Amino acid sequence: MLMQLRTKDPFVFNAIKSFKLVKIDEKLVQVQYPSESAKVEFDKISGEFFNHFKRKVNNYAIKIEYKQDVQNLKIEVLTTKKKFERFVEINPLLKDLDDLMKFDLT
């Protein structure tokens, strides 16, 4: 369903792609969303989405709970320099290699 939404309405797809579903118990699913504007876009298709979801899991007694979770759902754009800095944290010898080779990471 999400792949169909990607081609049909890319704006809504981009708004809800960072949502997470967390199973709390057998009848409760928590939807974590990053912002109120993303939730508004999700509300446009939530009926169709949850109908499809309940049919896939074959459980029509599922209750939905919404929770805004800004901290864990931010999407960070990784530049080449940020990726390299993360690798340097893992392997400090890469910094020596960078000093020797003068990589252009801009």
N, C-alpha and C. Protein backbone atom coordinates (compact mmCIF):
# COMPACT_ATOMS: atom_id res chain seq x y z
N MET A 1 0.82 -1.19 0.00
CA MET A 1 0.00 0.00 0.00
C MET A 1 0.87 1.26 0.00
N LEU A 2 1.96 1.26 0.77
CA LEU A 2 2.81 2.44 0.81
C LEU A 2 3.51 2.69 -0.53
N MET A 3 3.85 1.62 -1.24
CA MET A 3 4.47 1.82 -2.55
C MET A 3 3.46 2.42 -3.54
N GLN A 4 2.20 2.04 -3.43
CA GLN A 4 1.17 2.65 -4.27
C GLN A 4 1.01 4.12 -3.91
N LEU A 5 1.07 4.42 -2.61
CA LEU A 5 0.95 5.80 -2.16
C LEU A 5 2.13 6.63 -2.65
N ARG A 6 3.30 6.02 -2.73
CA ARG A 6 4.50 6.72 -3.19
C ARG A 6 4.30 7.26 -4.61
N THR A 7 3.67 6.48 -5.46
CA THR A 7 3.46 6.93 -6.84
C THR A 7 2.20 7.79 -6.97
N LYS A 8 1.18 7.49 -6.18
CA LYS A 8 -0.09 8.21 -6.28
C LYS A 8 -0.03 9.59 -5.65
N ASP A 9 0.55 9.70 -4.45
CA ASP A 9 0.61 10.97 -3.73
C ASP A 9 1.94 11.09 -2.98
N PRO A 10 3.00 11.50 -3.68
CA PRO A 10 4.32 11.54 -3.05
C PRO A 10 4.41 12.50 -1.87
N PHE A 11 3.60 13.55 -1.86
CA PHE A 11 3.64 14.51 -0.74
C PHE A 11 3.22 13.83 0.56
N VAL A 12 2.13 13.09 0.52
CA VAL A 12 1.65 12.38 1.71
C VAL A 12 2.64 11.29 2.09
N PHE A 13 3.18 10.58 1.10
CA PHE A 13 4.15 9.54 1.38
C PHE A 13 5.36 10.10 2.12
N ASN A 14 5.90 11.22 1.67
CA ASN A 14 7.07 11.82 2.32
C ASN A 14 6.75 12.30 3.73
N ALA A 15 5.49 12.72 3.95
CA ALA A 15 5.10 13.18 5.28
C ALA A 15 5.03 12.03 6.27
N ILE A 16 4.63 10.84 5.81
CA ILE A 16 4.42 9.73 6.75
C ILE A 16 5.50 8.66 6.71
N LYS A 17 6.52 8.81 5.91
CA LYS A 17 7.51 7.74 5.79
C LYS A 17 8.33 7.56 7.07
N SER A 18 8.36 8.54 7.95
CA SER A 18 9.13 8.41 9.19
C SER A 18 8.25 7.96 10.37
N PHE A 19 7.01 7.61 10.13
CA PHE A 19 6.14 7.10 11.19
C PHE A 19 6.62 5.72 11.60
N LYS A 20 6.40 5.37 12.87
CA LYS A 20 6.74 4.04 13.35
C LYS A 20 5.54 3.45 14.06
N LEU A 21 5.31 2.16 13.82
CA LEU A 21 4.26 1.43 14.51
C LEU A 21 4.93 0.55 15.57
N VAL A 22 4.46 0.66 16.81
CA VAL A 22 5.02 -0.12 17.91
C VAL A 22 3.89 -0.93 18.53
N LYS A 23 4.10 -2.24 18.61
CA LYS A 23 3.10 -3.12 19.20
C LYS A 23 3.23 -3.06 20.72
N ILE A 24 2.20 -2.56 21.40
CA ILE A 24 2.20 -2.46 22.85
C ILE A 24 1.71 -3.78 23.45
N ASP A 25 0.58 -4.28 22.99
CA ASP A 25 0.09 -5.60 23.36
C ASP A 25 -0.71 -6.15 22.19
N GLU A 26 -1.44 -7.21 22.40
CA GLU A 26 -2.13 -7.89 21.30
C GLU A 26 -3.19 -7.02 20.63
N LYS A 27 -3.76 -6.07 21.36
CA LYS A 27 -4.83 -5.25 20.80
C LYS A 27 -4.52 -3.76 20.75
N LEU A 28 -3.29 -3.38 21.03
CA LEU A 28 -2.93 -1.97 21.04
C LEU A 28 -1.67 -1.74 20.23
N VAL A 29 -1.77 -0.82 19.28
CA VAL A 29 -0.64 -0.42 18.45
C VAL A 29 -0.44 1.07 18.62
N GLN A 30 0.80 1.46 18.90
CA GLN A 30 1.12 2.87 19.07
C GLN A 30 1.76 3.40 17.79
N VAL A 31 1.23 4.51 17.30
CA VAL A 31 1.76 5.17 16.11
C VAL A 31 2.57 6.35 16.58
N GLN A 32 3.88 6.33 16.31
CA GLN A 32 4.76 7.43 16.70
C GLN A 32 4.99 8.31 15.47
N TYR A 33 4.73 9.60 15.62
CA TYR A 33 4.86 10.52 14.50
C TYR A 33 5.76 11.70 14.89
N PRO A 34 6.47 12.29 13.92
CA PRO A 34 7.45 13.34 14.23
C PRO A 34 6.86 14.73 14.42
N SER A 35 5.74 15.05 13.76
CA SER A 35 5.20 16.41 13.86
C SER A 35 3.69 16.39 13.64
N GLU A 36 3.06 17.47 14.07
CA GLU A 36 1.61 17.58 13.90
C GLU A 36 1.22 17.69 12.43
N SER A 37 2.05 18.34 11.63
CA SER A 37 1.73 18.48 10.21
C SER A 37 1.78 17.12 9.52
N ALA A 38 2.72 16.26 9.93
CA ALA A 38 2.79 14.92 9.36
C ALA A 38 1.57 14.11 9.78
N LYS A 39 1.09 14.31 11.01
CA LYS A 39 -0.09 13.59 11.48
C LYS A 39 -1.33 14.02 10.71
N VAL A 40 -1.41 15.30 10.37
CA VAL A 40 -2.55 15.79 9.59
C VAL A 40 -2.57 15.10 8.22
N GLU A 41 -1.42 14.96 7.60
CA GLU A 41 -1.34 14.27 6.31
C GLU A 41 -1.70 12.79 6.47
N PHE A 42 -1.26 12.19 7.58
CA PHE A 42 -1.57 10.78 7.82
C PHE A 42 -3.06 10.57 8.05
N ASP A 43 -3.70 11.54 8.71
CA ASP A 43 -5.14 11.42 8.97
C ASP A 43 -5.95 11.33 7.68
N LYS A 44 -5.42 11.88 6.59
CA LYS A 44 -6.11 11.81 5.30
C LYS A 44 -6.24 10.38 4.80
N ILE A 45 -5.26 9.54 5.11
CA ILE A 45 -5.28 8.16 4.60
C ILE A 45 -5.35 7.12 5.71
N SER A 46 -5.51 7.56 6.96
CA SER A 46 -5.43 6.62 8.08
C SER A 46 -6.52 5.55 8.03
N GLY A 47 -7.73 5.90 7.62
CA GLY A 47 -8.79 4.91 7.53
C GLY A 47 -8.44 3.79 6.58
N GLU A 48 -7.99 4.15 5.39
CA GLU A 48 -7.60 3.16 4.39
C GLU A 48 -6.38 2.36 4.86
N PHE A 49 -5.42 3.04 5.48
CA PHE A 49 -4.21 2.37 5.95
C PHE A 49 -4.52 1.33 7.02
N PHE A 50 -5.29 1.73 8.04
CA PHE A 50 -5.57 0.79 9.13
C PHE A 50 -6.51 -0.32 8.70
N ASN A 51 -7.41 -0.05 7.76
CA ASN A 51 -8.23 -1.13 7.21
C ASN A 51 -7.35 -2.16 6.54
N HIS A 52 -6.39 -1.72 5.74
CA HIS A 52 -5.44 -2.61 5.07
C HIS A 52 -4.57 -3.34 6.11
N PHE A 53 -4.11 -2.61 7.13
CA PHE A 53 -3.26 -3.19 8.17
C PHE A 53 -4.00 -4.28 8.96
N LYS A 54 -5.23 -3.99 9.36
CA LYS A 54 -6.01 -4.96 10.13
C LYS A 54 -6.30 -6.21 9.31
N ARG A 55 -6.52 -6.04 8.02
CA ARG A 55 -6.77 -7.18 7.15
C ARG A 55 -5.49 -8.02 7.01
N LYS A 56 -4.32 -7.38 6.90
CA LYS A 56 -3.06 -8.11 6.76
C LYS A 56 -2.73 -8.93 8.00
N VAL A 57 -2.95 -8.36 9.19
CA VAL A 57 -2.64 -9.08 10.42
C VAL A 57 -3.81 -9.93 10.91
N ASN A 58 -4.93 -9.83 10.22
CA ASN A 58 -6.14 -10.61 10.54
C ASN A 58 -6.57 -10.40 11.99
N ASN A 59 -6.60 -9.13 12.41
CA ASN A 59 -7.04 -8.77 13.75
C ASN A 59 -7.79 -7.45 13.65
N TYR A 60 -9.12 -7.52 13.74
CA TYR A 60 -9.95 -6.33 13.58
C TYR A 60 -10.25 -5.65 14.92
N ALA A 61 -9.72 -6.16 16.03
CA ALA A 61 -9.95 -5.58 17.35
C ALA A 61 -8.81 -4.66 17.77
N ILE A 62 -7.92 -4.33 16.88
CA ILE A 62 -6.76 -3.50 17.20
C ILE A 62 -7.21 -2.07 17.48
N LYS A 63 -6.69 -1.51 18.56
CA LYS A 63 -6.91 -0.10 18.90
C LYS A 63 -5.63 0.66 18.58
N ILE A 64 -5.79 1.90 18.16
CA ILE A 64 -4.65 2.73 17.74
C ILE A 64 -4.45 3.86 18.75
N GLU A 65 -3.21 4.07 19.13
CA GLU A 65 -2.85 5.15 20.03
C GLU A 65 -1.77 5.98 19.35
N TYR A 66 -1.92 7.31 19.37
CA TYR A 66 -0.95 8.20 18.73
C TYR A 66 -0.04 8.82 19.77
N LYS A 67 1.24 8.97 19.41
CA LYS A 67 2.21 9.60 20.31
C LYS A 67 3.23 10.36 19.46
N GLN A 68 3.42 11.62 19.80
CA GLN A 68 4.43 12.41 19.09
C GLN A 68 5.79 12.08 19.68
N ASP A 69 6.75 11.76 18.83
CA ASP A 69 8.08 11.37 19.26
C ASP A 69 9.12 12.08 18.40
N VAL A 70 9.41 13.30 18.77
CA VAL A 70 10.30 14.15 17.98
C VAL A 70 11.75 13.67 18.05
N GLN A 71 12.20 13.21 19.21
CA GLN A 71 13.60 12.88 19.38
C GLN A 71 14.07 11.74 18.49
N ASN A 72 13.31 10.65 18.42
CA ASN A 72 13.77 9.46 17.71
C ASN A 72 13.42 9.45 16.23
N LEU A 73 12.58 10.35 15.78
CA LEU A 73 12.11 10.26 14.41
C LEU A 73 12.64 11.34 13.49
N LYS A 74 13.65 12.06 13.93
CA LYS A 74 14.25 13.05 13.04
C LYS A 74 15.07 12.35 11.97
N ILE A 75 14.94 12.83 10.77
CA ILE A 75 15.71 12.27 9.66
C ILE A 75 16.92 13.17 9.45
N GLU A 76 18.10 12.61 9.61
CA GLU A 76 19.33 13.38 9.47
C GLU A 76 19.92 13.13 8.08
N VAL A 77 20.27 14.20 7.42
CA VAL A 77 20.92 14.09 6.12
C VAL A 77 22.41 13.92 6.36
N LEU A 78 22.94 12.81 5.89
CA LEU A 78 24.35 12.54 6.08
C LEU A 78 25.15 13.00 4.87
N THR A 79 26.02 13.96 5.11
CA THR A 79 26.91 14.40 4.05
C THR A 79 28.13 13.48 4.05
N THR A 80 28.93 13.61 3.04
CA THR A 80 30.14 12.80 2.94
C THR A 80 31.06 13.07 4.12
N LYS A 81 31.15 14.32 4.53
CA LYS A 81 32.02 14.69 5.65
C LYS A 81 31.51 14.07 6.95
N LYS A 82 30.18 14.09 7.19
CA LYS A 82 29.62 13.51 8.41
C LYS A 82 29.83 12.00 8.45
N LYS A 83 29.70 11.36 7.31
CA LYS A 83 29.93 9.91 7.24
C LYS A 83 31.39 9.61 7.59
N PHE A 84 32.30 10.40 7.02
CA PHE A 84 33.72 10.19 7.29
C PHE A 84 34.03 10.40 8.77
N GLU A 85 33.42 11.43 9.38
CA GLU A 85 33.66 11.69 10.80
C GLU A 85 33.16 10.53 11.66
N ARG A 86 32.07 9.92 11.30
CA ARG A 86 31.57 8.75 12.03
C ARG A 86 32.52 7.57 11.88
N PHE A 87 33.06 7.39 10.70
CA PHE A 87 34.02 6.31 10.49
C PHE A 87 35.32 6.57 11.27
N VAL A 88 35.71 7.84 11.38
CA VAL A 88 36.91 8.19 12.15
C VAL A 88 36.70 7.86 13.63
N GLU A 89 35.48 8.04 14.13
CA GLU A 89 35.19 7.66 15.52
C GLU A 89 35.39 6.16 15.72
N ILE A 90 35.04 5.38 14.72
CA ILE A 90 35.19 3.93 14.81
C ILE A 90 36.65 3.53 14.63
N ASN A 91 37.30 4.14 13.63
CA ASN A 91 38.69 3.78 13.31
C ASN A 91 39.52 5.06 13.21
N PRO A 92 40.22 5.45 14.28
CA PRO A 92 41.00 6.70 14.27
C PRO A 92 42.12 6.74 13.23
N LEU A 93 42.54 5.60 12.72
CA LEU A 93 43.60 5.61 11.70
C LEU A 93 43.15 6.28 10.40
N LEU A 94 41.84 6.38 10.20
CA LEU A 94 41.35 7.06 9.00
C LEU A 94 41.71 8.54 9.02
N LYS A 95 41.81 9.12 10.19
CA LYS A 95 42.21 10.52 10.30
C LYS A 95 43.64 10.70 9.79
N ASP A 96 44.51 9.77 10.13
CA ASP A 96 45.89 9.83 9.63
C ASP A 96 45.92 9.68 8.11
N LEU A 97 45.09 8.80 7.60
CA LEU A 97 44.99 8.61 6.15
C LEU A 97 44.49 9.88 5.48
N ASP A 98 43.53 10.54 6.10
CA ASP A 98 43.00 11.80 5.57
C ASP A 98 44.09 12.86 5.56
N ASP A 99 44.89 12.93 6.61
CA ASP A 99 45.99 13.91 6.66
C ASP A 99 47.02 13.62 5.57
N LEU A 100 47.26 12.38 5.30
CA LEU A 100 48.25 11.98 4.29
C LEU A 100 47.73 12.21 2.86
N MET A 101 46.48 11.83 2.62
CA MET A 101 45.93 11.88 1.26
C MET A 101 45.19 13.18 0.93
N LYS A 102 44.83 13.95 1.93
CA LYS A 102 44.11 15.23 1.73
C LYS A 102 42.81 15.02 0.96
N PHE A 103 41.91 14.19 1.52
CA PHE A 103 40.61 13.95 0.89
C PHE A 103 39.79 15.22 0.81
N ASP A 104 39.05 15.38 -0.27
CA ASP A 104 38.13 16.51 -0.42
C ASP A 104 36.74 16.03 -0.04
N LEU A 105 36.31 16.35 1.18
CA LEU A 105 35.02 15.88 1.68
C LEU A 105 33.99 17.00 1.79
N THR A 106 34.11 17.97 0.95
CA THR A 106 33.17 19.10 1.02
C THR A 106 31.91 18.84 0.26
